[in-house]
N, C-alpha and C. Protein backbone atom coordinates (compact mmCIF):
# COMPACT_ATOMS: atom_id res chain seq x y z
N MET A 1 -26.73 41.48 24.04
CA MET A 1 -25.51 41.98 24.60
C MET A 1 -24.58 42.42 23.46
N ARG A 2 -23.91 43.55 23.65
CA ARG A 2 -22.97 44.04 22.65
C ARG A 2 -21.57 44.09 23.24
N TRP A 3 -20.62 43.50 22.53
CA TRP A 3 -19.23 43.45 22.97
C TRP A 3 -18.46 44.59 22.33
N LYS A 4 -17.65 45.28 23.13
CA LYS A 4 -16.78 46.32 22.60
C LYS A 4 -15.38 45.80 22.35
N LYS A 5 -14.95 44.84 23.15
CA LYS A 5 -13.60 44.31 23.02
C LYS A 5 -13.58 42.87 23.51
N THR A 6 -12.89 42.01 22.78
CA THR A 6 -12.71 40.63 23.19
C THR A 6 -11.22 40.36 23.32
N VAL A 7 -10.82 39.87 24.47
CA VAL A 7 -9.44 39.51 24.73
C VAL A 7 -9.43 38.05 25.17
N THR A 8 -8.56 37.24 24.56
CA THR A 8 -8.48 35.84 24.98
C THR A 8 -7.29 35.66 25.92
N MET A 9 -7.51 34.84 26.95
CA MET A 9 -6.48 34.58 27.95
C MET A 9 -6.50 33.11 28.33
N VAL A 10 -5.33 32.60 28.66
CA VAL A 10 -5.18 31.23 29.14
C VAL A 10 -4.43 31.30 30.46
N GLU A 11 -4.92 30.60 31.47
CA GLU A 11 -4.26 30.60 32.78
C GLU A 11 -3.33 29.41 32.92
N ALA A 12 -2.22 29.67 33.59
CA ALA A 12 -1.27 28.62 33.93
C ALA A 12 -0.74 28.96 35.33
N HIS A 13 0.08 28.09 35.88
CA HIS A 13 0.70 28.43 37.17
C HIS A 13 2.06 27.79 37.26
N ALA A 14 2.93 28.42 38.04
CA ALA A 14 4.25 27.89 38.34
C ALA A 14 4.30 27.68 39.84
N GLU A 15 4.14 26.41 40.25
CA GLU A 15 4.12 26.07 41.67
C GLU A 15 3.08 26.88 42.43
N GLY A 16 1.94 27.12 41.79
CA GLY A 16 0.84 27.81 42.45
C GLY A 16 0.76 29.29 42.16
N GLU A 17 1.83 29.90 41.63
CA GLU A 17 1.77 31.31 41.26
C GLU A 17 1.09 31.43 39.90
N VAL A 18 -0.05 32.11 39.89
CA VAL A 18 -0.87 32.18 38.68
C VAL A 18 -0.29 33.18 37.69
N GLY A 19 -0.24 32.78 36.44
CA GLY A 19 0.17 33.66 35.35
C GLY A 19 -0.84 33.54 34.23
N ARG A 20 -1.63 34.56 34.05
CA ARG A 20 -2.61 34.57 32.97
C ARG A 20 -1.93 35.12 31.72
N VAL A 21 -2.06 34.42 30.60
CA VAL A 21 -1.39 34.80 29.36
C VAL A 21 -2.43 35.32 28.37
N VAL A 22 -2.23 36.57 27.92
CA VAL A 22 -3.11 37.16 26.91
C VAL A 22 -2.65 36.61 25.56
N THR A 23 -3.51 35.82 24.93
CA THR A 23 -3.15 35.16 23.67
C THR A 23 -3.75 35.84 22.44
N GLY A 24 -4.63 36.81 22.63
CA GLY A 24 -5.19 37.49 21.46
C GLY A 24 -6.11 38.62 21.84
N GLY A 25 -6.36 39.50 20.88
CA GLY A 25 -7.32 40.58 21.04
C GLY A 25 -6.74 41.94 21.33
N LEU A 26 -5.42 42.04 21.48
CA LEU A 26 -4.82 43.33 21.82
C LEU A 26 -4.58 44.22 20.61
N GLY A 27 -4.37 43.62 19.47
CA GLY A 27 -3.98 44.42 18.31
C GLY A 27 -2.53 44.85 18.44
N LYS A 28 -2.12 45.78 17.62
CA LYS A 28 -0.73 46.25 17.62
C LYS A 28 -0.55 47.30 18.71
N LEU A 29 0.46 47.09 19.56
CA LEU A 29 0.79 48.05 20.61
C LEU A 29 1.98 48.89 20.16
N PRO A 30 2.06 50.16 20.61
CA PRO A 30 3.16 51.03 20.18
C PRO A 30 4.52 50.58 20.70
N GLY A 31 5.56 50.97 19.98
CA GLY A 31 6.93 50.73 20.43
C GLY A 31 7.76 50.02 19.39
N ASP A 32 8.99 50.51 19.24
CA ASP A 32 9.94 49.87 18.32
C ASP A 32 10.70 48.74 18.97
N SER A 33 10.59 48.62 20.30
CA SER A 33 11.22 47.53 21.05
C SER A 33 10.25 47.11 22.15
N ILE A 34 10.52 45.97 22.75
CA ILE A 34 9.68 45.53 23.87
C ILE A 34 9.81 46.52 25.03
N LEU A 35 11.00 47.08 25.24
CA LEU A 35 11.17 48.09 26.28
C LEU A 35 10.31 49.32 25.98
N ASP A 36 10.26 49.76 24.73
CA ASP A 36 9.38 50.88 24.37
C ASP A 36 7.92 50.58 24.71
N THR A 37 7.48 49.36 24.39
CA THR A 37 6.10 48.97 24.68
C THR A 37 5.86 48.93 26.19
N LEU A 38 6.81 48.40 26.95
CA LEU A 38 6.70 48.38 28.41
C LEU A 38 6.57 49.81 28.94
N ASN A 39 7.41 50.72 28.46
CA ASN A 39 7.34 52.11 28.91
C ASN A 39 5.99 52.75 28.54
N TRP A 40 5.46 52.42 27.38
CA TRP A 40 4.14 52.93 26.97
C TRP A 40 3.06 52.41 27.92
N LEU A 41 3.14 51.11 28.27
CA LEU A 41 2.16 50.53 29.19
C LEU A 41 2.20 51.19 30.56
N ASN A 42 3.37 51.64 30.97
CA ASN A 42 3.50 52.28 32.28
C ASN A 42 3.16 53.77 32.25
N THR A 43 2.83 54.30 31.08
CA THR A 43 2.46 55.72 30.97
C THR A 43 1.13 55.83 30.23
N ASP A 44 1.18 56.07 28.95
CA ASP A 44 -0.03 56.28 28.15
C ASP A 44 -0.92 55.04 28.06
N GLY A 45 -0.34 53.84 28.16
CA GLY A 45 -1.11 52.60 28.06
C GLY A 45 -1.54 52.03 29.39
N ASN A 46 -1.46 52.83 30.45
CA ASN A 46 -1.80 52.33 31.78
C ASN A 46 -3.25 51.86 31.88
N ASP A 47 -4.16 52.46 31.13
CA ASP A 47 -5.56 52.01 31.14
C ASP A 47 -5.68 50.57 30.63
N LEU A 48 -4.91 50.22 29.60
CA LEU A 48 -4.92 48.85 29.10
C LEU A 48 -4.38 47.90 30.16
N ARG A 49 -3.27 48.27 30.79
CA ARG A 49 -2.71 47.43 31.85
C ARG A 49 -3.74 47.20 32.95
N ARG A 50 -4.38 48.26 33.39
CA ARG A 50 -5.38 48.14 34.46
C ARG A 50 -6.57 47.29 34.01
N PHE A 51 -7.00 47.45 32.76
CA PHE A 51 -8.09 46.64 32.21
C PHE A 51 -7.76 45.15 32.29
N LEU A 52 -6.50 44.80 32.01
CA LEU A 52 -6.11 43.40 31.98
C LEU A 52 -5.82 42.80 33.35
N VAL A 53 -5.36 43.60 34.30
CA VAL A 53 -4.95 43.02 35.59
C VAL A 53 -5.99 43.14 36.69
N ASN A 54 -6.92 44.05 36.57
CA ASN A 54 -7.91 44.24 37.64
C ASN A 54 -9.14 43.36 37.43
N GLU A 55 -9.93 43.22 38.49
CA GLU A 55 -11.19 42.46 38.41
C GLU A 55 -12.07 43.04 37.31
N PRO A 56 -12.80 42.23 36.58
CA PRO A 56 -13.01 40.80 36.76
C PRO A 56 -12.02 39.92 35.99
N ARG A 57 -11.10 40.52 35.25
CA ARG A 57 -10.17 39.71 34.46
C ARG A 57 -8.95 39.26 35.26
N GLY A 58 -8.57 39.99 36.27
CA GLY A 58 -7.38 39.67 37.03
C GLY A 58 -7.61 39.82 38.51
N ALA A 59 -6.54 39.76 39.26
CA ALA A 59 -6.62 39.91 40.72
C ALA A 59 -5.24 40.31 41.22
N ALA A 60 -5.20 40.86 42.42
CA ALA A 60 -3.96 41.38 42.99
C ALA A 60 -2.87 40.32 43.10
N GLN A 61 -3.23 39.08 43.32
CA GLN A 61 -2.25 38.04 43.56
C GLN A 61 -1.75 37.34 42.29
N MET A 62 -2.14 37.84 41.13
CA MET A 62 -1.72 37.18 39.90
C MET A 62 -1.08 38.16 38.94
N SER A 63 -0.36 37.60 37.98
CA SER A 63 0.26 38.39 36.92
C SER A 63 -0.46 38.13 35.61
N THR A 64 -0.37 39.09 34.72
CA THR A 64 -0.90 38.93 33.37
C THR A 64 0.28 39.05 32.42
N CYS A 65 0.46 38.05 31.59
CA CYS A 65 1.58 38.00 30.66
C CYS A 65 1.10 38.39 29.27
N LEU A 66 1.74 39.40 28.69
CA LEU A 66 1.40 39.81 27.33
C LEU A 66 2.28 39.04 26.36
N LEU A 67 1.65 38.35 25.45
CA LEU A 67 2.32 37.65 24.37
C LEU A 67 2.32 38.61 23.18
N LEU A 68 3.51 38.98 22.70
CA LEU A 68 3.64 39.99 21.65
C LEU A 68 4.51 39.49 20.51
N PRO A 69 4.38 40.09 19.34
CA PRO A 69 5.34 39.76 18.28
C PRO A 69 6.73 40.23 18.73
N PRO A 70 7.77 39.46 18.44
CA PRO A 70 9.11 39.87 18.85
C PRO A 70 9.57 41.08 18.05
N LYS A 71 10.36 41.93 18.68
CA LYS A 71 10.97 43.07 17.99
C LYS A 71 12.44 42.79 17.70
N HIS A 72 13.05 41.92 18.51
CA HIS A 72 14.46 41.56 18.34
C HIS A 72 14.56 40.46 17.27
N PRO A 73 15.50 40.60 16.32
CA PRO A 73 15.57 39.62 15.22
C PRO A 73 15.94 38.20 15.65
N ASP A 74 16.56 38.03 16.82
CA ASP A 74 16.95 36.70 17.28
C ASP A 74 15.88 36.00 18.11
N ALA A 75 14.77 36.69 18.39
CA ALA A 75 13.75 36.14 19.30
C ALA A 75 12.59 35.55 18.52
N ASP A 76 11.88 34.63 19.18
CA ASP A 76 10.71 33.98 18.60
C ASP A 76 9.40 34.61 19.05
N VAL A 77 9.38 35.14 20.27
CA VAL A 77 8.16 35.66 20.90
C VAL A 77 8.53 36.87 21.75
N GLY A 78 7.63 37.87 21.81
CA GLY A 78 7.79 39.00 22.72
C GLY A 78 6.98 38.77 23.98
N PHE A 79 7.38 39.40 25.09
CA PHE A 79 6.79 39.09 26.39
C PHE A 79 6.95 40.28 27.34
N ILE A 80 5.84 40.67 27.98
CA ILE A 80 5.85 41.68 29.05
C ILE A 80 4.96 41.17 30.18
N VAL A 81 5.40 41.38 31.41
CA VAL A 81 4.63 40.98 32.59
C VAL A 81 3.90 42.19 33.15
N LEU A 82 2.58 42.06 33.33
CA LEU A 82 1.77 43.11 33.94
C LEU A 82 1.38 42.68 35.35
N GLN A 83 1.49 43.62 36.28
CA GLN A 83 1.02 43.37 37.64
C GLN A 83 0.23 44.58 38.10
N GLY A 84 -0.28 44.52 39.31
CA GLY A 84 -1.13 45.58 39.83
C GLY A 84 -0.47 46.94 39.88
N ASP A 85 0.85 46.97 40.06
CA ASP A 85 1.53 48.26 40.19
C ASP A 85 1.99 48.83 38.86
N LYS A 86 2.46 47.97 37.93
CA LYS A 86 2.97 48.44 36.65
C LYS A 86 3.36 47.24 35.77
N ALA A 87 3.88 47.54 34.59
CA ALA A 87 4.45 46.51 33.71
C ALA A 87 5.90 46.30 34.12
N HIS A 88 6.34 45.04 34.08
CA HIS A 88 7.69 44.69 34.50
C HIS A 88 8.47 44.05 33.35
N ALA A 89 9.79 44.16 33.42
CA ALA A 89 10.66 43.73 32.33
C ALA A 89 10.79 42.21 32.20
N MET A 90 10.73 41.48 33.32
CA MET A 90 11.01 40.05 33.25
C MET A 90 10.54 39.38 34.54
N SER A 91 10.17 38.12 34.45
CA SER A 91 9.80 37.32 35.61
C SER A 91 10.03 35.86 35.28
N GLY A 92 10.77 35.17 36.13
CA GLY A 92 11.04 33.75 35.90
C GLY A 92 9.79 32.90 35.99
N SER A 93 8.98 33.08 37.03
CA SER A 93 7.78 32.25 37.17
C SER A 93 6.79 32.51 36.04
N ASN A 94 6.71 33.76 35.59
CA ASN A 94 5.81 34.06 34.48
C ASN A 94 6.35 33.53 33.15
N THR A 95 7.67 33.42 33.03
CA THR A 95 8.25 32.78 31.85
C THR A 95 7.85 31.30 31.81
N ILE A 96 7.80 30.67 32.98
CA ILE A 96 7.36 29.27 33.05
C ILE A 96 5.90 29.17 32.61
N CYS A 97 5.04 30.07 33.11
CA CYS A 97 3.63 30.06 32.72
C CYS A 97 3.48 30.31 31.22
N LEU A 98 4.17 31.31 30.71
CA LEU A 98 4.09 31.64 29.29
C LEU A 98 4.54 30.46 28.43
N THR A 99 5.65 29.84 28.80
CA THR A 99 6.18 28.71 28.04
C THR A 99 5.19 27.56 28.02
N THR A 100 4.61 27.25 29.15
CA THR A 100 3.61 26.18 29.22
C THR A 100 2.44 26.46 28.30
N VAL A 101 1.93 27.69 28.33
CA VAL A 101 0.79 28.06 27.48
C VAL A 101 1.19 28.00 26.00
N LEU A 102 2.34 28.56 25.65
CA LEU A 102 2.78 28.55 24.25
C LEU A 102 2.89 27.13 23.70
N LEU A 103 3.46 26.24 24.48
CA LEU A 103 3.66 24.86 24.02
C LEU A 103 2.38 24.05 24.04
N GLU A 104 1.61 24.15 25.11
CA GLU A 104 0.43 23.28 25.24
C GLU A 104 -0.76 23.77 24.43
N THR A 105 -0.73 25.01 23.94
CA THR A 105 -1.78 25.48 23.02
C THR A 105 -1.31 25.43 21.57
N GLY A 106 -0.08 25.00 21.34
CA GLY A 106 0.43 24.85 19.98
C GLY A 106 0.90 26.13 19.33
N GLN A 107 1.07 27.21 20.09
CA GLN A 107 1.53 28.45 19.49
C GLN A 107 3.02 28.40 19.16
N ILE A 108 3.74 27.54 19.85
CA ILE A 108 5.10 27.15 19.48
C ILE A 108 5.08 25.64 19.38
N GLU A 109 5.66 25.12 18.31
CA GLU A 109 5.65 23.67 18.12
C GLU A 109 6.44 22.99 19.24
N MET A 110 5.77 22.02 19.88
CA MET A 110 6.41 21.26 20.94
C MET A 110 7.28 20.18 20.32
N VAL A 111 8.55 20.15 20.72
CA VAL A 111 9.49 19.13 20.27
C VAL A 111 9.92 18.34 21.50
N GLU A 112 9.61 17.05 21.50
CA GLU A 112 10.00 16.21 22.64
C GLU A 112 11.35 15.58 22.35
N PRO A 113 12.24 15.47 23.30
CA PRO A 113 12.04 15.72 24.72
C PRO A 113 12.32 17.17 25.15
N VAL A 114 12.92 18.00 24.27
CA VAL A 114 13.26 19.37 24.66
C VAL A 114 12.89 20.35 23.55
N THR A 115 12.19 21.41 23.92
CA THR A 115 11.87 22.50 23.01
C THR A 115 12.67 23.72 23.45
N ARG A 116 13.31 24.37 22.48
CA ARG A 116 14.07 25.59 22.77
C ARG A 116 13.51 26.74 21.96
N TYR A 117 13.45 27.91 22.58
CA TYR A 117 13.07 29.13 21.86
C TYR A 117 13.62 30.33 22.61
N LYS A 118 13.47 31.53 22.00
CA LYS A 118 14.01 32.75 22.60
C LYS A 118 12.90 33.78 22.77
N LEU A 119 12.90 34.37 23.97
CA LEU A 119 11.91 35.40 24.33
C LEU A 119 12.54 36.79 24.20
N ASP A 120 11.81 37.70 23.61
CA ASP A 120 12.20 39.10 23.56
C ASP A 120 11.54 39.80 24.74
N THR A 121 12.35 40.26 25.70
CA THR A 121 11.82 40.95 26.88
C THR A 121 12.45 42.33 26.96
N ALA A 122 11.91 43.16 27.83
CA ALA A 122 12.47 44.50 28.02
C ALA A 122 13.86 44.44 28.65
N SER A 123 14.21 43.32 29.26
CA SER A 123 15.54 43.17 29.85
C SER A 123 16.52 42.51 28.89
N GLY A 124 16.07 42.12 27.70
CA GLY A 124 16.93 41.48 26.71
C GLY A 124 16.36 40.14 26.29
N VAL A 125 17.10 39.44 25.44
CA VAL A 125 16.65 38.13 24.94
C VAL A 125 16.93 37.06 25.99
N VAL A 126 15.90 36.27 26.28
CA VAL A 126 15.97 35.19 27.27
C VAL A 126 15.88 33.87 26.53
N GLU A 127 16.85 32.99 26.76
CA GLU A 127 16.83 31.66 26.15
C GLU A 127 16.02 30.72 27.04
N VAL A 128 15.08 30.00 26.43
CA VAL A 128 14.19 29.11 27.18
C VAL A 128 14.37 27.68 26.67
N GLU A 129 14.43 26.74 27.60
CA GLU A 129 14.51 25.32 27.29
C GLU A 129 13.43 24.61 28.08
N ALA A 130 12.51 23.95 27.38
CA ALA A 130 11.39 23.27 28.04
C ALA A 130 11.49 21.76 27.85
N GLU A 131 11.43 21.05 28.95
CA GLU A 131 11.37 19.60 28.88
C GLU A 131 9.91 19.22 28.61
N CYS A 132 9.71 18.41 27.59
CA CYS A 132 8.35 18.04 27.18
C CYS A 132 8.21 16.53 27.16
N LYS A 133 7.04 16.06 27.61
CA LYS A 133 6.80 14.62 27.66
C LYS A 133 5.32 14.36 27.44
N GLN A 134 5.00 13.51 26.47
CA GLN A 134 3.63 13.11 26.16
C GLN A 134 2.71 14.32 25.97
N GLY A 135 3.18 15.31 25.22
CA GLY A 135 2.36 16.48 24.90
C GLY A 135 2.23 17.50 26.01
N LYS A 136 3.02 17.38 27.07
CA LYS A 136 2.96 18.32 28.19
C LYS A 136 4.32 18.95 28.41
N CYS A 137 4.30 20.18 28.84
CA CYS A 137 5.51 20.88 29.27
C CYS A 137 5.70 20.53 30.74
N VAL A 138 6.78 19.82 31.08
CA VAL A 138 6.94 19.33 32.44
C VAL A 138 8.01 20.07 33.25
N ALA A 139 8.90 20.79 32.57
CA ALA A 139 9.93 21.57 33.28
C ALA A 139 10.45 22.65 32.34
N VAL A 140 10.82 23.78 32.93
CA VAL A 140 11.32 24.91 32.13
C VAL A 140 12.61 25.43 32.76
N LYS A 141 13.62 25.63 31.93
CA LYS A 141 14.86 26.29 32.34
C LYS A 141 14.97 27.56 31.52
N LEU A 142 15.57 28.59 32.12
CA LEU A 142 15.77 29.81 31.35
C LEU A 142 17.13 30.40 31.64
N ARG A 143 17.65 31.06 30.63
CA ARG A 143 18.90 31.79 30.76
C ARG A 143 18.59 33.25 30.46
N PRO A 144 18.47 34.05 31.52
CA PRO A 144 18.15 35.46 31.33
C PRO A 144 19.23 36.20 30.54
N ALA A 145 18.87 37.38 30.09
CA ALA A 145 19.82 38.23 29.38
C ALA A 145 20.99 38.54 30.30
N ASP A 146 22.17 38.68 29.71
CA ASP A 146 23.35 39.03 30.49
C ASP A 146 23.17 40.39 31.15
N CYS A 147 23.77 40.52 32.31
CA CYS A 147 23.77 41.81 33.00
C CYS A 147 25.17 42.05 33.54
N TYR A 148 25.42 43.26 33.95
CA TYR A 148 26.74 43.60 34.44
C TYR A 148 26.64 44.77 35.41
N ALA A 149 27.68 44.93 36.19
CA ALA A 149 27.76 46.08 37.10
C ALA A 149 28.38 47.24 36.33
N ASP A 150 27.71 48.36 36.32
CA ASP A 150 28.24 49.56 35.65
C ASP A 150 29.42 50.12 36.42
N ARG A 151 29.33 50.06 37.75
CA ARG A 151 30.40 50.58 38.61
C ARG A 151 30.49 49.70 39.85
N LEU A 152 31.70 49.52 40.35
CA LEU A 152 31.92 48.77 41.58
C LEU A 152 32.56 49.68 42.62
N ASP A 153 32.24 49.45 43.88
CA ASP A 153 32.83 50.19 45.00
C ASP A 153 32.68 51.70 44.84
N GLU A 154 31.56 52.11 44.30
CA GLU A 154 31.28 53.54 44.08
C GLU A 154 30.63 54.14 45.33
N VAL A 155 31.04 55.32 45.71
CA VAL A 155 30.40 56.04 46.81
C VAL A 155 29.31 56.92 46.21
N VAL A 156 28.10 56.80 46.76
CA VAL A 156 26.96 57.54 46.24
C VAL A 156 26.43 58.46 47.33
N GLU A 157 26.28 59.73 47.01
CA GLU A 157 25.71 60.71 47.93
C GLU A 157 24.21 60.80 47.69
N VAL A 158 23.41 60.66 48.75
CA VAL A 158 21.96 60.79 48.63
C VAL A 158 21.47 61.82 49.65
N ALA A 159 20.43 62.50 49.29
CA ALA A 159 19.87 63.50 50.20
C ALA A 159 19.34 62.81 51.46
N GLY A 160 19.61 63.42 52.62
CA GLY A 160 19.08 62.90 53.87
C GLY A 160 19.85 61.76 54.43
């Protein structure tokens, strides 16, 4: 048998929602920011997204989490969520899956009782706090990037 590509993945779940985390084998992906990489995955990199999320590696009911080097100077890890339709900027349940995999595989040093780190996502930097006990990640809290309303009480005209 001859292998053309090897990708390593670890599965986790958040209350039953499966999040498969790609931990190696992707190489360098294009983009100066995580948002640039997400946009590439939704256009020119769509074949890679489909390779990772479709059978036999994935399934319609699960997400695939890309673990990437951070592009933001304040972040520890980069992160993009892939699903059957496209790449997405952020997901809370997938952040829980990613955090569990990072800590329990030793890719981020687990500090008991609480480990803190920052995720670089297409929606901004997300602060993560994981409760850890006896070498396990037992709970995850996150503070998503700030958001704001660009306009309030605006009247919008739409066709039809």
